Structure formats: structure tokens, C-alpha cells
Amino acid sequence: MTADTPPLSWRELETRVGLDALPAFHRSFLSWRGVEGAAEMPLRRVSQRVDAELNRLVQSGQAQKQEEDWLLEPGALDEFEAYQVLTQ
């Protein structure tokens, strides 16, 4: 990635995933982030935990919060397999 690569909008990424696949994508994201029990979590809890993990990315300097979206720095999801599948 170059310095000219724009940040990745989490909301745009969710749109690319599609509504039907979004719960599985979110659970995969949580598992990738090391959240235990993501596969068994109620959907509402999954959504809350995704927001929390995105806020942790903000705290670590890998993302910025912008209104109801998170702008992820280039490379922030490079090791996330479900993201890699979307970008191939």
C-alpha cells in the first residue's frame, strides 16, 4: 500500500459484504480480533462487540471515527482473511 491509499470505510465494506453475509462477516471479524465465543453470541451482542473492536482500532491509531462510520488505515485489515476474500 502506498501513502496515497485512502482509508477504508467500514460502512462501505459492510455494503460490499451484503446483508445476508454480514452476520457471518462480523463474527469472523470478532474471531480475528480475538473475541472468544463470537460464533455463539446473540446478533445484538455481535454488533456491539464489532463497534467496540472498531473503537479499539481507533485507540491504536489504525482507524478514525467519523460520525456513524470508521475509516480504517490502509493495511489495518491485511491479515483478516474474510476481508482478503472480498478484495481478490
N, C-alpha and C. Protein backbone atom coordinates (compact mmCIF):
# COMPACT_ATOMS: atom_id res chain seq x y z
N MET A 1 0.85 -1.18 0.00
CA MET A 1 0.00 0.00 0.00
C MET A 1 0.89 1.24 0.00
N THR A 2 0.41 2.24 -0.69
CA THR A 2 1.16 3.47 -0.75
C THR A 2 0.56 4.49 0.20
N ALA A 3 1.30 5.56 0.40
CA ALA A 3 0.81 6.62 1.28
C ALA A 3 -0.44 7.28 0.69
N ASP A 4 -0.64 7.12 -0.62
CA ASP A 4 -1.80 7.74 -1.28
C ASP A 4 -3.06 6.89 -1.19
N THR A 5 -2.96 5.70 -0.61
CA THR A 5 -4.11 4.83 -0.49
C THR A 5 -5.09 5.44 0.52
N PRO A 6 -6.34 5.66 0.10
CA PRO A 6 -7.30 6.27 1.03
C PRO A 6 -7.72 5.29 2.12
N PRO A 7 -8.22 5.82 3.23
CA PRO A 7 -8.72 4.94 4.28
C PRO A 7 -9.93 4.14 3.78
N LEU A 8 -10.18 3.02 4.42
CA LEU A 8 -11.28 2.13 4.06
C LEU A 8 -12.47 2.42 4.96
N SER A 9 -13.60 2.73 4.38
CA SER A 9 -14.83 2.96 5.13
C SER A 9 -15.40 1.62 5.57
N TRP A 10 -15.59 1.45 6.88
CA TRP A 10 -16.19 0.22 7.40
C TRP A 10 -17.60 0.04 6.86
N ARG A 11 -18.38 1.11 6.79
CA ARG A 11 -19.76 1.02 6.29
C ARG A 11 -19.79 0.62 4.81
N GLU A 12 -18.86 1.13 4.02
CA GLU A 12 -18.79 0.72 2.61
C GLU A 12 -18.40 -0.76 2.51
N LEU A 13 -17.50 -1.18 3.39
CA LEU A 13 -17.11 -2.59 3.42
C LEU A 13 -18.30 -3.48 3.76
N GLU A 14 -19.08 -3.07 4.75
CA GLU A 14 -20.28 -3.83 5.10
C GLU A 14 -21.25 -3.91 3.93
N THR A 15 -21.36 -2.85 3.15
CA THR A 15 -22.23 -2.85 1.98
C THR A 15 -21.75 -3.85 0.95
N ARG A 16 -20.43 -3.93 0.76
CA ARG A 16 -19.86 -4.91 -0.18
C ARG A 16 -20.12 -6.33 0.28
N VAL A 17 -20.09 -6.55 1.58
CA VAL A 17 -20.32 -7.89 2.13
C VAL A 17 -21.75 -8.34 1.82
N GLY A 18 -22.69 -7.43 1.95
CA GLY A 18 -24.10 -7.76 1.70
C GLY A 18 -24.81 -8.16 2.98
N LEU A 19 -26.08 -7.85 3.04
CA LEU A 19 -26.87 -8.05 4.25
C LEU A 19 -26.92 -9.50 4.70
N ASP A 20 -27.10 -10.43 3.76
CA ASP A 20 -27.21 -11.84 4.13
C ASP A 20 -25.93 -12.39 4.74
N ALA A 21 -24.78 -11.93 4.26
CA ALA A 21 -23.50 -12.45 4.73
C ALA A 21 -22.92 -11.64 5.89
N LEU A 22 -23.56 -10.53 6.24
CA LEU A 22 -23.00 -9.63 7.26
C LEU A 22 -22.83 -10.27 8.64
N PRO A 23 -23.81 -11.02 9.16
CA PRO A 23 -23.60 -11.63 10.48
C PRO A 23 -22.36 -12.54 10.52
N ALA A 24 -22.18 -13.35 9.50
CA ALA A 24 -21.01 -14.24 9.46
C ALA A 24 -19.72 -13.42 9.33
N PHE A 25 -19.75 -12.35 8.56
CA PHE A 25 -18.58 -11.49 8.41
C PHE A 25 -18.22 -10.85 9.75
N HIS A 26 -19.23 -10.34 10.46
CA HIS A 26 -19.00 -9.72 11.77
C HIS A 26 -18.42 -10.73 12.75
N ARG A 27 -18.97 -11.94 12.78
CA ARG A 27 -18.47 -12.96 13.69
C ARG A 27 -17.02 -13.33 13.34
N SER A 28 -16.74 -13.40 12.05
CA SER A 28 -15.38 -13.68 11.60
C SER A 28 -14.42 -12.56 12.03
N PHE A 29 -14.86 -11.31 11.91
CA PHE A 29 -14.07 -10.17 12.33
C PHE A 29 -13.76 -10.26 13.83
N LEU A 30 -14.78 -10.58 14.62
CA LEU A 30 -14.59 -10.69 16.06
C LEU A 30 -13.61 -11.82 16.40
N SER A 31 -13.75 -12.94 15.74
CA SER A 31 -12.83 -14.06 15.98
C SER A 31 -11.41 -13.66 15.62
N TRP A 32 -11.25 -12.97 14.50
CA TRP A 32 -9.94 -12.49 14.07
C TRP A 32 -9.34 -11.54 15.11
N ARG A 33 -10.18 -10.75 15.73
CA ARG A 33 -9.73 -9.79 16.75
C ARG A 33 -9.51 -10.45 18.11
N GLY A 34 -9.78 -11.76 18.20
CA GLY A 34 -9.51 -12.49 19.43
C GLY A 34 -10.66 -12.50 20.43
N VAL A 35 -11.86 -12.15 19.99
CA VAL A 35 -13.03 -12.17 20.87
C VAL A 35 -13.52 -13.61 21.00
N GLU A 36 -13.50 -14.12 22.20
CA GLU A 36 -13.92 -15.51 22.43
C GLU A 36 -15.44 -15.63 22.37
N GLY A 37 -15.92 -16.75 21.83
CA GLY A 37 -17.34 -17.03 21.80
C GLY A 37 -18.14 -16.26 20.76
N ALA A 38 -17.47 -15.68 19.78
CA ALA A 38 -18.17 -14.87 18.78
C ALA A 38 -19.20 -15.69 18.00
N ALA A 39 -18.91 -16.95 17.76
CA ALA A 39 -19.82 -17.80 16.98
C ALA A 39 -21.15 -18.03 17.69
N GLU A 40 -21.14 -17.99 19.03
CA GLU A 40 -22.35 -18.27 19.79
C GLU A 40 -23.07 -17.01 20.29
N MET A 41 -22.48 -15.86 20.07
CA MET A 41 -23.05 -14.60 20.58
C MET A 41 -24.36 -14.25 19.91
N PRO A 42 -25.32 -13.72 20.66
CA PRO A 42 -26.54 -13.18 20.04
C PRO A 42 -26.16 -12.04 19.08
N LEU A 43 -26.93 -11.90 18.04
CA LEU A 43 -26.61 -10.93 16.98
C LEU A 43 -26.47 -9.51 17.52
N ARG A 44 -27.32 -9.10 18.44
CA ARG A 44 -27.22 -7.75 19.00
C ARG A 44 -25.87 -7.56 19.71
N ARG A 45 -25.45 -8.58 20.42
CA ARG A 45 -24.15 -8.52 21.12
C ARG A 45 -23.01 -8.48 20.12
N VAL A 46 -23.14 -9.21 19.02
CA VAL A 46 -22.12 -9.19 17.97
C VAL A 46 -21.94 -7.76 17.46
N SER A 47 -23.05 -7.09 17.20
CA SER A 47 -23.00 -5.72 16.70
C SER A 47 -22.30 -4.80 17.69
N GLN A 48 -22.62 -4.94 18.97
CA GLN A 48 -21.98 -4.12 19.99
C GLN A 48 -20.48 -4.38 20.07
N ARG A 49 -20.10 -5.64 19.97
CA ARG A 49 -18.68 -6.00 20.05
C ARG A 49 -17.91 -5.54 18.82
N VAL A 50 -18.55 -5.59 17.65
CA VAL A 50 -17.89 -5.06 16.44
C VAL A 50 -17.59 -3.58 16.63
N ASP A 51 -18.57 -2.82 17.12
CA ASP A 51 -18.34 -1.39 17.39
C ASP A 51 -17.19 -1.21 18.38
N ALA A 52 -17.16 -2.02 19.42
CA ALA A 52 -16.10 -1.92 20.42
C ALA A 52 -14.73 -2.21 19.82
N GLU A 53 -14.66 -3.23 18.98
CA GLU A 53 -13.38 -3.57 18.34
C GLU A 53 -12.95 -2.48 17.36
N LEU A 54 -13.89 -1.89 16.65
CA LEU A 54 -13.55 -0.78 15.76
C LEU A 54 -13.04 0.41 16.56
N ASN A 55 -13.64 0.65 17.71
CA ASN A 55 -13.15 1.73 18.58
C ASN A 55 -11.75 1.42 19.12
N ARG A 56 -11.45 0.15 19.33
CA ARG A 56 -10.09 -0.22 19.74
C ARG A 56 -9.09 0.08 18.61
N LEU A 57 -9.52 -0.13 17.37
CA LEU A 57 -8.66 0.22 16.23
C LEU A 57 -8.41 1.73 16.21
N VAL A 58 -9.42 2.52 16.57
CA VAL A 58 -9.24 3.97 16.67
C VAL A 58 -8.20 4.28 17.75
N GLN A 59 -8.34 3.65 18.89
CA GLN A 59 -7.41 3.90 20.00
C GLN A 59 -5.97 3.53 19.65
N SER A 60 -5.81 2.53 18.80
CA SER A 60 -4.47 2.10 18.42
C SER A 60 -3.93 2.86 17.22
N GLY A 61 -4.71 3.82 16.70
CA GLY A 61 -4.26 4.62 15.58
C GLY A 61 -4.45 3.97 14.22
N GLN A 62 -5.21 2.87 14.17
CA GLN A 62 -5.43 2.17 12.91
C GLN A 62 -6.73 2.58 12.22
N ALA A 63 -7.49 3.46 12.85
CA ALA A 63 -8.76 3.92 12.28
C ALA A 63 -9.12 5.27 12.88
N GLN A 64 -10.08 5.92 12.23
CA GLN A 64 -10.64 7.17 12.74
C GLN A 64 -12.15 7.04 12.73
N LYS A 65 -12.79 7.55 13.76
CA LYS A 65 -14.26 7.55 13.84
C LYS A 65 -14.75 8.79 13.12
N GLN A 66 -15.72 8.60 12.23
CA GLN A 66 -16.30 9.72 11.50
C GLN A 66 -17.82 9.54 11.48
N GLU A 67 -18.51 10.27 12.33
CA GLU A 67 -19.96 10.15 12.50
C GLU A 67 -20.32 8.69 12.78
N GLU A 68 -21.09 8.04 11.93
CA GLU A 68 -21.51 6.65 12.15
C GLU A 68 -20.63 5.65 11.39
N ASP A 69 -19.41 6.04 11.06
CA ASP A 69 -18.52 5.19 10.28
C ASP A 69 -17.14 5.17 10.93
N TRP A 70 -16.35 4.21 10.53
CA TRP A 70 -14.95 4.13 10.93
C TRP A 70 -14.14 4.10 9.65
N LEU A 71 -13.13 4.93 9.56
CA LEU A 71 -12.22 4.94 8.42
C LEU A 71 -10.94 4.24 8.84
N LEU A 72 -10.73 3.06 8.26
CA LEU A 72 -9.59 2.23 8.64
C LEU A 72 -8.38 2.59 7.79
N GLU A 73 -7.24 2.67 8.45
CA GLU A 73 -5.99 2.98 7.77
C GLU A 73 -5.64 1.85 6.81
N PRO A 74 -4.97 2.18 5.70
CA PRO A 74 -4.53 1.13 4.78
C PRO A 74 -3.71 0.08 5.53
N GLY A 75 -4.03 -1.17 5.29
CA GLY A 75 -3.30 -2.25 5.92
C GLY A 75 -3.90 -2.74 7.23
N ALA A 76 -4.86 -2.03 7.78
CA ALA A 76 -5.43 -2.40 9.08
C ALA A 76 -6.08 -3.78 9.05
N LEU A 77 -6.60 -4.19 7.91
CA LEU A 77 -7.28 -5.49 7.81
C LEU A 77 -6.51 -6.50 6.96
N ASP A 78 -5.25 -6.21 6.69
CA ASP A 78 -4.49 -7.07 5.78
C ASP A 78 -4.44 -8.53 6.21
N GLU A 79 -4.46 -8.81 7.50
CA GLU A 79 -4.37 -10.19 7.98
C GLU A 79 -5.75 -10.83 8.18
N PHE A 80 -6.80 -10.09 7.91
CA PHE A 80 -8.18 -10.57 8.11
C PHE A 80 -8.62 -11.30 6.84
N GLU A 81 -8.70 -12.63 6.93
CA GLU A 81 -8.96 -13.46 5.76
C GLU A 81 -10.27 -13.13 5.04
N ALA A 82 -11.34 -12.87 5.80
CA ALA A 82 -12.63 -12.57 5.17
C ALA A 82 -12.56 -11.27 4.38
N TYR A 83 -11.72 -10.34 4.81
CA TYR A 83 -11.52 -9.09 4.05
C TYR A 83 -10.72 -9.38 2.79
N GLN A 84 -9.71 -10.21 2.90
CA GLN A 84 -8.90 -10.56 1.74
C GLN A 84 -9.74 -11.19 0.64
N VAL A 85 -10.70 -12.03 1.02
CA VAL A 85 -11.57 -12.68 0.04
C VAL A 85 -12.37 -11.63 -0.74
N LEU A 86 -12.79 -10.57 -0.04
CA LEU A 86 -13.57 -9.51 -0.71
C LEU A 86 -12.74 -8.69 -1.68
N THR A 87 -11.45 -8.61 -1.48
CA THR A 87 -10.62 -7.75 -2.29
C THR A 87 -9.89 -8.47 -3.41
N GLN A 88 -10.11 -9.78 -3.54
CA GLN A 88 -9.43 -10.53 -4.60
C GLN A 88 -10.15 -10.39 -5.91
